[in-house]
Structure formats: C-alpha cells, structure tokens
Amino acid sequence: MEKLWKITLSDGTKIENLRLNGNNFISEAKITENDFRGKLSKVIFEGKVEGKDFKQECNNMELVQIAHYEDGYYFVLREIPQEELDKLKIQSDIEYIAMMSDIDMEEEM
C-alpha cells in the first residue's frame, strides 16, 4: 500500500489521500490553482516517513506547479524564504514611495 499524506491549508481546507513522489504530491481528485489561492499562509503536512508519523507546519508557501497526468494531479508547494519575503517588502516600499513622490521608476538615467 502506498503512503498517504494529508495537507491542511490555512483556512482549514484538507487535501487528503495524497501520494508523494519526490517533492510532488499526487491527488487522484482534480486539483486547481483555485484550491490554493489565498490559503498558503500556513500549511500543515502530515504523513509517514520511514514508518513514523510526520507532521510539519510551514508558513508563507507558494504553489510552484500543477500538472495532470494519467495517474493524477501532481503539484508542488514551496516555502518562500524569509530573505525573499524581505526583498519583496523592500521593493514594494520603494514603489510606494516613488508613486507618492510622483517619480517614474521606468525612466532611464
């Protein structure tokens, strides 16, 4: 019997009966981007690793891809590193300040 996994999204949605192949989760039920939209701030993974129960909570996840094959819907999630989040915040702050100061950031110097 294959090892089954469960993922709980931040709004409580559960995606169950998943198989794991590398870093791809595989669902026989249809999975779409809408299933994850706005629900990845906290994700809990539960399954078995080497016969032992495994549970991990991750924050700030993103959907990398979904692919549909004959044996199911393959999808990959990844945790966004804090450094990447910090860079996005800084860039957003710069763009906001430029907008409020009426500075065109597209202009060449």
C-alpha atoms as a PDB file:
ATOM      1  CA  MET A   1       0.000   0.000   0.000  1.00  0.00           C
ATOM      2  CA  GLU A   2       1.232   3.459  -0.856  1.00  0.00           C
ATOM      3  CA  LYS A   3       1.937   6.018   1.820  1.00  0.00           C
ATOM      4  CA  LEU A   4      -0.879   8.550   2.058  1.00  0.00           C
ATOM      5  CA  TRP A   5      -0.420  12.185   3.005  1.00  0.00           C
ATOM      6  CA  LYS A   6      -2.742  14.960   4.113  1.00  0.00           C
ATOM      7  CA  ILE A   7      -2.265  18.702   3.690  1.00  0.00           C
ATOM      8  CA  THR A   8      -4.228  21.243   5.727  1.00  0.00           C
ATOM      9  CA  LEU A   9      -4.330  24.779   4.316  1.00  0.00           C
ATOM     10  CA  SER A  10      -4.561  27.986   6.359  1.00  0.00           C
ATOM     11  CA  ASP A  11      -8.370  28.197   6.024  1.00  0.00           C
ATOM     12  CA  GLY A  12      -8.791  24.622   7.299  1.00  0.00           C
ATOM     13  CA  THR A  13      -9.239  23.046   3.857  1.00  0.00           C
ATOM     14  CA  LYS A  14      -7.891  19.486   3.857  1.00  0.00           C
ATOM     15  CA  ILE A  15      -6.452  17.795   0.793  1.00  0.00           C
ATOM     16  CA  GLU A  16      -6.275  14.103   1.638  1.00  0.00           C
ATOM     17  CA  ASN A  17      -5.268  10.721   0.236  1.00  0.00           C
ATOM     18  CA  LEU A  18      -2.176  12.160  -1.427  1.00  0.00           C
ATOM     19  CA  ARG A  19       0.758  10.137  -2.625  1.00  0.00           C
ATOM     20  CA  LEU A  20       4.249  11.583  -2.518  1.00  0.00           C
ATOM     21  CA  ASN A  21       6.785  11.243  -5.334  1.00  0.00           C
ATOM     22  CA  GLY A  22       9.931  13.262  -4.595  1.00  0.00           C
ATOM     23  CA  ASN A  23       8.582  16.729  -3.832  1.00  0.00           C
ATOM     24  CA  ASN A  24       5.409  16.177  -5.876  1.00  0.00           C
ATOM     25  CA  PHE A  25       2.143  15.401  -4.147  1.00  0.00           C
ATOM     26  CA  ILE A  26      -0.225  13.348  -6.282  1.00  0.00           C
ATOM     27  CA  SER A  27      -4.006  13.533  -5.993  1.00  0.00           C
ATOM     28  CA  GLU A  28      -6.484  11.364  -7.840  1.00  0.00           C
ATOM     29  CA  ALA A  29      -9.051  14.133  -7.290  1.00  0.00           C
ATOM     30  CA  LYS A  30      -8.825  17.191  -9.520  1.00  0.00           C
ATOM     31  CA  ILE A  31      -6.583  19.948  -8.090  1.00  0.00           C
ATOM     32  CA  THR A  32      -6.526  23.513  -9.462  1.00  0.00           C
ATOM     33  CA  GLU A  33      -4.769  26.776  -8.568  1.00  0.00           C
ATOM     34  CA  ASN A  34      -8.055  27.997  -7.081  1.00  0.00           C
ATOM     35  CA  ASP A  35      -7.827  25.253  -4.435  1.00  0.00           C
ATOM     36  CA  PHE A  36      -4.749  27.035  -3.020  1.00  0.00           C
ATOM     37  CA  ARG A  37      -5.460  30.728  -3.740  1.00  0.00           C
ATOM     38  CA  GLY A  38      -5.251  32.771  -0.524  1.00  0.00           C
ATOM     39  CA  LYS A  39      -4.779  29.642   1.610  1.00  0.00           C
ATOM     40  CA  LEU A  40      -0.996  29.217   1.790  1.00  0.00           C
ATOM     41  CA  SER A  41      -0.002  31.480   4.692  1.00  0.00           C
ATOM     42  CA  LYS A  42       0.163  28.358   6.884  1.00  0.00           C
ATOM     43  CA  VAL A  43       0.231  24.776   5.599  1.00  0.00           C
ATOM     44  CA  ILE A  44       0.420  21.571   7.650  1.00  0.00           C
ATOM     45  CA  PHE A  45       1.815  18.411   6.060  1.00  0.00           C
ATOM     46  CA  GLU A  46       1.027  15.041   7.658  1.00  0.00           C
ATOM     47  CA  GLY A  47       2.121  11.578   6.600  1.00  0.00           C
ATOM     48  CA  LYS A  48       4.573   8.817   7.390  1.00  0.00           C
ATOM     49  CA  VAL A  49       8.328   8.874   6.884  1.00  0.00           C
ATOM     50  CA  GLU A  50      10.228   5.626   7.373  1.00  0.00           C
ATOM     51  CA  GLY A  51       7.271   4.175   9.274  1.00  0.00           C
ATOM     52  CA  LYS A  52       6.997   7.094  11.700  1.00  0.00           C
ATOM     53  CA  ASP A  53       4.288   9.739  11.843  1.00  0.00           C
ATOM     54  CA  PHE A  54       5.449  13.025  10.356  1.00  0.00           C
ATOM     55  CA  LYS A  55       3.850  16.434  10.826  1.00  0.00           C
ATOM     56  CA  GLN A  56       5.320  19.752   9.713  1.00  0.00           C
ATOM     57  CA  GLU A  57       3.870  23.245   9.697  1.00  0.00           C
ATOM     58  CA  CYS A  58       5.199  25.690   7.120  1.00  0.00           C
ATOM     59  CA  ASN A  59       4.445  29.381   6.633  1.00  0.00           C
ATOM     60  CA  ASN A  60       4.354  31.562   3.523  1.00  0.00           C
ATOM     61  CA  MET A  61       4.049  28.787   0.973  1.00  0.00           C
ATOM     62  CA  GLU A  62       3.525  29.149  -2.751  1.00  0.00           C
ATOM     63  CA  LEU A  63       2.217  26.818  -5.411  1.00  0.00           C
ATOM     64  CA  VAL A  64       5.044  26.053  -7.832  1.00  0.00           C
ATOM     65  CA  GLN A  65       3.125  23.988 -10.370  1.00  0.00           C
ATOM     66  CA  ILE A  66       0.244  21.637 -11.066  1.00  0.00           C
ATOM     67  CA  ALA A  67       0.456  19.026 -13.808  1.00  0.00           C
ATOM     68  CA  HIS A  68      -2.185  16.490 -14.822  1.00  0.00           C
ATOM     69  CA  TYR A  69      -1.024  13.020 -15.845  1.00  0.00           C
ATOM     70  CA  GLU A  70      -2.827   9.704 -16.314  1.00  0.00           C
ATOM     71  CA  ASP A  71      -2.323   8.712 -12.672  1.00  0.00           C
ATOM     72  CA  GLY A  72      -3.426  12.009 -11.115  1.00  0.00           C
ATOM     73  CA  TYR A  73      -2.760  15.667 -10.485  1.00  0.00           C
ATOM     74  CA  TYR A  74       0.832  16.381  -9.460  1.00  0.00           C
ATOM     75  CA  PHE A  75       1.508  19.553  -7.503  1.00  0.00           C
ATOM     76  CA  VAL A  76       4.469  21.134  -5.745  1.00  0.00           C
ATOM     77  CA  LEU A  77       4.450  23.642  -2.885  1.00  0.00           C
ATOM     78  CA  ARG A  78       7.461  25.517  -1.565  1.00  0.00           C
ATOM     79  CA  GLU A  79       8.089  27.692   1.445  1.00  0.00           C
ATOM     80  CA  ILE A  80       9.150  31.209   0.470  1.00  0.00           C
ATOM     81  CA  PRO A  81      12.423  32.002   2.293  1.00  0.00           C
ATOM     82  CA  GLN A  82      12.406  34.988   4.668  1.00  0.00           C
ATOM     83  CA  GLU A  83      15.118  36.700   2.590  1.00  0.00           C
ATOM     84  CA  GLU A  84      12.870  36.590  -0.480  1.00  0.00           C
ATOM     85  CA  LEU A  85       9.925  37.971   1.539  1.00  0.00           C
ATOM     86  CA  ASP A  86      12.146  40.786   2.830  1.00  0.00           C
ATOM     87  CA  LYS A  87      13.219  41.706  -0.718  1.00  0.00           C
ATOM     88  CA  LEU A  88       9.601  41.783  -1.898  1.00  0.00           C
ATOM     89  CA  LYS A  89       8.655  44.071   1.002  1.00  0.00           C
ATOM     90  CA  ILE A  90      11.545  46.441   0.275  1.00  0.00           C
ATOM     91  CA  GLN A  91      10.656  46.588  -3.427  1.00  0.00           C
ATOM     92  CA  SER A  92       7.028  47.253  -2.577  1.00  0.00           C
ATOM     93  CA  ASP A  93       8.037  50.050  -0.182  1.00  0.00           C
ATOM     94  CA  ILE A  94      10.262  51.644  -2.842  1.00  0.00           C
ATOM     95  CA  GLU A  95       7.480  51.532  -5.436  1.00  0.00           C
ATOM     96  CA  TYR A  96       5.015  53.058  -2.959  1.00  0.00           C
ATOM     97  CA  ILE A  97       7.383  55.914  -2.078  1.00  0.00           C
ATOM     98  CA  ALA A  98       8.064  56.546  -5.777  1.00  0.00           C
ATOM     99  CA  MET A  99       4.351  56.617  -6.532  1.00  0.00           C
ATOM    100  CA  MET A 100       3.616  59.006  -3.644  1.00  0.00           C
ATOM    101  CA  SER A 101       6.514  61.251  -4.785  1.00  0.00           C
ATOM    102  CA  ASP A 102       5.412  61.097  -8.436  1.00  0.00           C
ATOM    103  CA  ILE A 103       8.724  59.569  -9.515  1.00  0.00           C
ATOM    104  CA  ASP A 104       8.770  57.451 -12.680  1.00  0.00           C
ATOM    105  CA  MET A 105      10.889  54.418 -11.873  1.00  0.00           C
ATOM    106  CA  GLU A 106      10.883  53.350 -15.541  1.00  0.00           C
ATOM    107  CA  GLU A 107      12.876  56.399 -16.677  1.00  0.00           C
ATOM    108  CA  GLU A 108      16.457  55.788 -17.732  1.00  0.00           C
ATOM    109  CA  MET A 109      19.106  57.938 -16.152  1.00  0.00           C
END
